Amino acid sequence: MEELGRRVCDGCEDLESGHGRWAVYSQAIKDENEWPGLLELVKQEPDKAVASSVVVNLLELLPESRRGDAVAVLPAGKIRENAELRSREISVLEALSVERAVFDESNLNIRGWSNWLQMRVAVSARRKEILGALSTAGSTKRIRNTAKENLRLLLLSGDRDGR
């Protein structure tokens, strides 16, 4: 951890605290060359909340083929299950963001999506059927309003097909 801290984080000195280690981890996440060593350190991280945060943040940067390796460094149980869920959600988000992806509206089960996934899709989707579904069935008012506004902007832009 000390060696990683020297490489990625000027002024990160308190490696005894979770906050200090998180400062190092959060810098290392930004450098793809550090990821293999980072995952080895996460296996030894005494604070499971910090370990989980590192993995969950890293999942958004990793290609889908490597996400399972990141999740596997977490101990079995709720923390790993949450990371597995986030990995699946990121895959859904990526699939929905592909402009010409084959889309089957009957498979759009947004009620099964976490608030995190619903909001991320409401912000990033450019397909009217997805935004329409979220604008009426999103789990929070904020999600519904975000989807409504993005649908309105999509229609104003002249992209009537949402593709």
Protein backbone atom coordinates (compact mmCIF):
# COMPACT_ATOMS: atom_id res chain seq x y z
CA MET A 1 0.00 0.00 0.00
CA GLU A 2 2.84 2.38 0.83
CA GLU A 3 4.47 1.78 -2.55
CA LEU A 4 1.20 2.38 -4.38
CA GLY A 5 0.66 5.52 -2.32
CA ARG A 6 4.05 6.89 -3.34
CA ARG A 7 3.30 6.23 -7.02
CA VAL A 8 -0.18 7.67 -7.25
CA CYS A 9 -0.83 10.07 -4.41
CA ASP A 10 1.28 13.00 -3.24
CA GLY A 11 0.49 13.75 0.38
CA CYS A 12 -1.32 10.51 1.15
CA GLU A 13 0.38 9.65 4.40
CA ASP A 14 -2.21 8.21 6.80
CA LEU A 15 -2.47 4.69 5.44
CA GLU A 16 -3.67 3.37 8.80
CA SER A 17 -7.11 4.93 8.32
CA GLY A 18 -9.73 3.90 5.81
CA HIS A 19 -9.87 7.51 4.60
CA GLY A 20 -6.15 7.53 3.92
CA ARG A 21 -6.23 4.22 2.07
CA TRP A 22 -9.29 5.37 0.10
CA ALA A 23 -7.33 8.43 -1.05
CA VAL A 24 -4.69 6.11 -2.49
CA TYR A 25 -7.21 3.70 -4.00
CA SER A 26 -9.22 6.49 -5.62
CA GLN A 27 -6.09 7.77 -7.36
CA ALA A 28 -5.02 4.27 -8.43
CA ILE A 29 -8.45 3.62 -9.97
CA LYS A 30 -7.70 6.38 -12.47
CA ASP A 31 -4.58 4.62 -13.77
CA GLU A 32 -5.25 1.45 -15.77
CA ASN A 33 -1.65 0.31 -15.20
CA GLU A 34 -2.35 0.12 -11.46
CA TRP A 35 -5.47 -2.04 -11.69
CA PRO A 36 -3.87 -5.51 -11.33
CA GLY A 37 -1.93 -4.48 -8.22
CA LEU A 38 -4.92 -2.57 -6.94
CA LEU A 39 -7.08 -5.68 -6.96
CA GLU A 40 -4.41 -7.59 -5.05
CA LEU A 41 -4.41 -4.87 -2.38
CA VAL A 42 -8.20 -4.88 -2.17
CA LYS A 43 -8.07 -8.58 -1.28
CA GLN A 44 -6.10 -7.60 1.83
CA GLU A 45 -8.11 -4.46 2.69
CA PRO A 46 -9.27 -4.75 6.32
CA ASP A 47 -12.22 -2.36 5.85
CA LYS A 48 -14.76 -4.22 3.74
CA ALA A 49 -16.70 -1.02 2.97
CA VAL A 50 -13.55 0.52 1.50
CA ALA A 51 -12.84 -2.66 -0.48
CA SER A 52 -16.39 -2.64 -1.84
CA SER A 53 -16.15 1.03 -2.81
CA VAL A 54 -12.94 0.43 -4.72
CA VAL A 55 -14.42 -2.48 -6.67
CA VAL A 56 -17.73 -0.74 -7.42
CA ASN A 57 -15.93 2.36 -8.69
CA LEU A 58 -13.58 0.26 -10.77
CA LEU A 59 -16.43 -1.71 -12.37
CA GLU A 60 -17.52 1.31 -14.41
CA LEU A 61 -14.07 1.54 -15.97
CA LEU A 62 -13.36 -2.12 -16.63
CA PRO A 63 -14.44 -3.92 -19.78
CA GLU A 64 -17.23 -6.40 -19.14
CA SER A 65 -14.84 -9.33 -19.57
CA ARG A 66 -12.77 -8.19 -16.55
CA ARG A 67 -15.53 -7.19 -14.14
CA GLY A 68 -15.88 -10.68 -12.72
CA ASP A 69 -12.21 -10.61 -11.68
CA ALA A 70 -12.80 -7.41 -9.74
CA VAL A 71 -15.91 -8.73 -8.01
CA ALA A 72 -14.09 -11.96 -7.10
CA VAL A 73 -11.61 -10.14 -4.85
CA LEU A 74 -14.42 -9.31 -2.42
CA PRO A 75 -15.35 -11.77 0.31
CA ALA A 76 -18.45 -13.89 -0.23
CA GLY A 77 -21.61 -12.37 1.16
CA LYS A 78 -23.64 -9.20 0.84
CA ILE A 79 -20.71 -7.01 -0.24
CA ARG A 80 -19.88 -9.29 -3.15
CA GLU A 81 -23.56 -9.69 -4.07
CA ASN A 82 -23.93 -5.91 -4.27
CA ALA A 83 -20.89 -5.67 -6.53
CA GLU A 84 -22.24 -8.47 -8.74
CA LEU A 85 -25.53 -6.56 -9.04
CA ARG A 86 -23.72 -3.36 -10.00
CA SER A 87 -21.71 -5.27 -12.60
CA ARG A 88 -24.92 -6.59 -14.17
CA GLU A 89 -26.48 -3.12 -14.05
CA ILE A 90 -23.49 -1.60 -15.84
CA SER A 91 -23.90 -4.23 -18.55
CA VAL A 92 -27.59 -3.27 -18.92
CA LEU A 93 -26.65 0.41 -19.08
CA GLU A 94 -24.05 -0.30 -21.76
CA ALA A 95 -26.46 -2.43 -23.78
CA LEU A 96 -29.10 0.30 -23.71
CA SER A 97 -26.62 2.96 -24.72
CA VAL A 98 -25.63 1.20 -27.94
CA GLU A 99 -27.37 3.35 -30.53
CA ARG A 100 -28.46 0.61 -32.86
CA ALA A 101 -28.89 -2.15 -30.30
CA VAL A 102 -31.72 -4.56 -30.88
CA PHE A 103 -34.34 -3.58 -28.38
CA ASP A 104 -37.27 -5.68 -27.27
CA GLU A 105 -39.69 -3.45 -25.38
CA SER A 106 -41.31 -6.48 -23.73
CA ASN A 107 -38.02 -7.08 -21.90
CA LEU A 108 -37.93 -3.56 -20.47
CA ASN A 109 -38.52 -4.42 -16.81
CA ILE A 110 -37.55 -1.16 -15.15
CA ARG A 111 -39.35 -2.09 -11.93
CA GLY A 112 -36.59 -4.63 -11.37
CA TRP A 113 -33.89 -2.00 -11.80
CA SER A 114 -32.23 -0.23 -8.89
CA ASN A 115 -32.69 3.52 -8.49
CA TRP A 116 -29.04 3.90 -9.52
CA LEU A 117 -29.64 2.14 -12.85
CA GLN A 118 -32.93 3.93 -13.50
CA MET A 119 -31.33 7.34 -12.99
CA ARG A 120 -28.28 6.52 -15.09
CA VAL A 121 -30.52 5.35 -17.93
CA ALA A 122 -32.83 8.38 -17.55
CA VAL A 123 -29.80 10.63 -17.95
CA SER A 124 -28.05 8.78 -20.77
CA ALA A 125 -30.74 7.07 -22.87
CA ARG A 126 -31.49 8.45 -26.32
CA ARG A 127 -34.39 6.15 -27.14
CA LYS A 128 -37.93 7.37 -26.72
CA GLU A 129 -39.36 3.99 -25.66
CA ILE A 130 -36.89 3.73 -22.78
CA LEU A 131 -37.34 7.34 -21.67
CA GLY A 132 -41.11 6.99 -22.01
CA ALA A 133 -41.15 3.93 -19.78
CA LEU A 134 -38.99 5.63 -17.16
CA SER A 135 -41.06 8.84 -17.30
CA THR A 136 -44.17 6.93 -16.26
CA ALA A 137 -42.86 4.02 -14.20
CA GLY A 138 -39.57 5.26 -12.74
CA SER A 139 -39.36 4.50 -9.03
CA THR A 140 -38.83 8.11 -7.87
CA LYS A 141 -40.18 11.49 -8.90
CA ARG A 142 -36.65 12.61 -9.73
CA ILE A 143 -36.15 9.67 -12.10
CA ARG A 144 -39.53 10.24 -13.78
CA ASN A 145 -38.89 13.97 -14.20
CA THR A 146 -35.37 13.43 -15.55
CA ALA A 147 -36.69 10.93 -18.09
CA LYS A 148 -39.55 13.28 -19.08
CA GLU A 149 -37.15 16.17 -19.60
CA ASN A 150 -34.71 14.10 -21.64
CA LEU A 151 -37.56 12.70 -23.72
CA ARG A 152 -38.78 16.26 -24.37
CA LEU A 153 -35.27 17.31 -25.44
CA LEU A 154 -34.92 14.25 -27.65
CA LEU A 155 -38.18 15.05 -29.43
CA LEU A 156 -37.25 18.73 -29.78
CA SER A 157 -33.96 17.78 -31.39
CA GLY A 158 -35.89 16.24 -34.25
CA ASP A 159 -34.79 12.72 -33.40
CA ARG A 160 -38.38 11.46 -33.46
CA ASP A 161 -37.40 7.81 -33.69
CA GLY A 162 -35.09 8.03 -30.70
CA ARG A 163 -32.29 6.36 -32.61
